[in-house]
C-alpha atoms as a PDB file:
ATOM      1  CA  MET A   1      53.687-151.279  16.802  1.00  0.00           C
ATOM      2  CA  GLU A   2      49.724-150.485  16.083  1.00  0.00           C
ATOM      3  CA  CYS A   3      50.649-148.481  13.163  1.00  0.00           C
ATOM      4  CA  LYS A   4      52.450-151.169  11.359  1.00  0.00           C
ATOM      5  CA  ARG A   5      49.587-153.373  11.430  1.00  0.00           C
ATOM      6  CA  ASN A   6      47.256-150.857  10.685  1.00  0.00           C
ATOM      7  CA  PRO A   7      48.813-147.936   9.049  1.00  0.00           C
ATOM      8  CA  LYS A   8      45.441-146.361   8.539  1.00  0.00           C
ATOM      9  CA  LYS A   9      45.526-145.304  12.265  1.00  0.00           C
ATOM     10  CA  ILE A  10      48.607-143.134  11.930  1.00  0.00           C
ATOM     11  CA  TRP A  11      47.306-141.270   8.998  1.00  0.00           C
ATOM     12  CA  GLN A  12      44.059-140.602  10.651  1.00  0.00           C
ATOM     13  CA  TYR A  13      46.057-139.194  13.636  1.00  0.00           C
ATOM     14  CA  VAL A  14      48.361-137.075  11.155  1.00  0.00           C
ATOM     15  CA  ASN A  15      45.446-135.657   9.576  1.00  0.00           C
ATOM     16  CA  ARG A  16      43.556-134.879  12.618  1.00  0.00           C
ATOM     17  CA  HIS A  17      46.312-133.145  14.010  1.00  0.00           C
ATOM     18  CA  THR A  18      48.046-131.218  10.852  1.00  0.00           C
ATOM     19  CA  LYS A  19      44.761-129.378   9.649  1.00  0.00           C
ATOM     20  CA  SER A  20      45.001-125.653   9.974  1.00  0.00           C
ATOM     21  CA  LYS A  21      42.279-123.084   8.894  1.00  0.00           C
ATOM     22  CA  THR A  22      43.653-119.741   7.914  1.00  0.00           C
ATOM     23  CA  ASP A  23      41.679-116.640   7.313  1.00  0.00           C
ATOM     24  CA  ILE A  24      42.136-114.309   4.313  1.00  0.00           C
ATOM     25  CA  GLY A  25      44.528-111.597   5.165  1.00  0.00           C
ATOM     26  CA  ASP A  26      43.404-107.920   4.559  1.00  0.00           C
ATOM     27  CA  LEU A  27      43.174-106.882   1.058  1.00  0.00           C
ATOM     28  CA  LYS A  28      44.385-103.698  -0.391  1.00  0.00           C
ATOM     29  CA  TRP A  29      42.747-102.159  -3.452  1.00  0.00           C
ATOM     30  CA  HIS A  30      42.262 -98.747  -4.879  1.00  0.00           C
ATOM     31  CA  ASP A  31      39.015 -97.114  -5.186  1.00  0.00           C
ATOM     32  CA  LYS A  32      37.825 -95.375  -8.357  1.00  0.00           C
ATOM     33  CA  ASN A  33      39.739 -91.985  -7.228  1.00  0.00           C
ATOM     34  CA  GLY A  34      42.834 -94.120  -6.961  1.00  0.00           C
ATOM     35  CA  ASP A  35      42.760 -93.748  -3.199  1.00  0.00           C
ATOM     36  CA  GLU A  36      44.070 -97.050  -1.309  1.00  0.00           C
ATOM     37  CA  LYS A  37      41.729 -98.864   0.804  1.00  0.00           C
ATOM     38  CA  ILE A  38      41.786-101.832   3.073  1.00  0.00           C
ATOM     39  CA  ALA A  39      39.283-104.336   3.258  1.00  0.00           C
ATOM     40  CA  GLU A  40      39.292-105.825   6.793  1.00  0.00           C
ATOM     41  CA  SER A  41      35.838-107.407   7.295  1.00  0.00           C
ATOM     42  CA  ASN A  42      34.863-110.791   5.539  1.00  0.00           C
ATOM     43  CA  ASP A  43      31.967-109.109   3.803  1.00  0.00           C
ATOM     44  CA  GLY A  44      34.553-106.360   2.508  1.00  0.00           C
ATOM     45  CA  LYS A  45      37.036-108.770   1.183  1.00  0.00           C
ATOM     46  CA  ALA A  46      34.069-110.775  -0.462  1.00  0.00           C
ATOM     47  CA  THR A  47      32.928-107.829  -2.357  1.00  0.00           C
ATOM     48  CA  ILE A  48      36.380-106.699  -3.481  1.00  0.00           C
ATOM     49  CA  LEU A  49      37.073-110.290  -5.006  1.00  0.00           C
ATOM     50  CA  GLN A  50      33.753-110.540  -6.379  1.00  0.00           C
ATOM     51  CA  ASN A  51      34.305-107.357  -8.244  1.00  0.00           C
ATOM     52  CA  PHE A  52      37.584-108.120  -9.298  1.00  0.00           C
ATOM     53  CA  PHE A  53      36.798-111.507 -10.682  1.00  0.00           C
ATOM     54  CA  SER A  54      33.428-110.272 -12.240  1.00  0.00           C
ATOM     55  CA  SER A  55      35.165-107.533 -14.136  1.00  0.00           C
ATOM     56  CA  ALA A  56      38.007-110.108 -15.219  1.00  0.00           C
ATOM     57  CA  TYR A  57      35.596-112.535 -16.590  1.00  0.00           C
ATOM     58  CA  SER A  58      33.241-109.756 -18.190  1.00  0.00           C
ATOM     59  CA  THR A  59      36.226-108.622 -19.952  1.00  0.00           C
ATOM     60  CA  LEU A  60      37.215-112.116 -21.379  1.00  0.00           C
ATOM     61  CA  LEU A  61      33.670-112.835 -22.349  1.00  0.00           C
ATOM     62  CA  ASN A  62      33.271-109.550 -24.197  1.00  0.00           C
ATOM     63  CA  LEU A  63      36.547-110.457 -26.166  1.00  0.00           C
ATOM     64  CA  THR A  64      35.418-113.820 -26.683  1.00  0.00           C
ATOM     65  CA  THR A  65      31.989-112.704 -27.976  1.00  0.00           C
ATOM     66  CA  SER A  66      33.666-110.005 -30.301  1.00  0.00           C
ATOM     67  CA  LEU A  67      35.942-112.508 -31.807  1.00  0.00           C
ATOM     68  CA  THR A  68      33.204-115.135 -32.374  1.00  0.00           C
ATOM     69  CA  LEU A  69      31.005-112.365 -34.102  1.00  0.00           C
ATOM     70  CA  HIS A  70      33.876-111.478 -36.227  1.00  0.00           C
ATOM     71  CA  LEU A  71      34.815-114.652 -37.501  1.00  0.00           C
ATOM     72  CA  LEU A  72      30.826-115.517 -37.983  1.00  0.00           C
ATOM     73  CA  GLY A  73      30.711-112.296 -40.100  1.00  0.00           C
ATOM     74  CA  ARG A  74      33.709-113.404 -42.076  1.00  0.00           C
ATOM     75  CA  MET A  75      32.154-117.031 -42.580  1.00  0.00           C
ATOM     76  CA  CYS A  76      28.918-115.426 -43.877  1.00  0.00           C
ATOM     77  CA  LYS A  77      30.677-113.170 -46.399  1.00  0.00           C
ATOM     78  CA  SER A  78      32.637-116.082 -47.606  1.00  0.00           C
ATOM     79  CA  THR A  79      29.658-118.290 -48.216  1.00  0.00           C
ATOM     80  CA  ALA A  80      27.544-115.434 -49.725  1.00  0.00           C
ATOM     81  CA  GLN A  81      29.693-115.035 -52.610  1.00  0.00           C
ATOM     82  CA  PRO A  82      28.906-116.857 -55.728  1.00  0.00           C
ATOM     83  CA  SER A  83      31.124-119.934 -56.713  1.00  0.00           C
ATOM     84  CA  GLN A  84      32.687-119.489 -60.250  1.00  0.00           C
END
């Protein structure tokens, strides 16, 4: 009946016994030649994930930068025209 008087105790017990650590599984990827590779080591997995996410975000950054420059260019043209 301890858990009815102190429910925190039961949750401490549950949390202590239900935590699990899982590793990231092996990652399959294709090199520049199109050959399938498998990253098994933690360092290899980290490198593959870093390459993937850095290329995804740099592409997004380039698109955002291009759009911003395009919009700024249009704004500058519209403000440079004399008003009638």
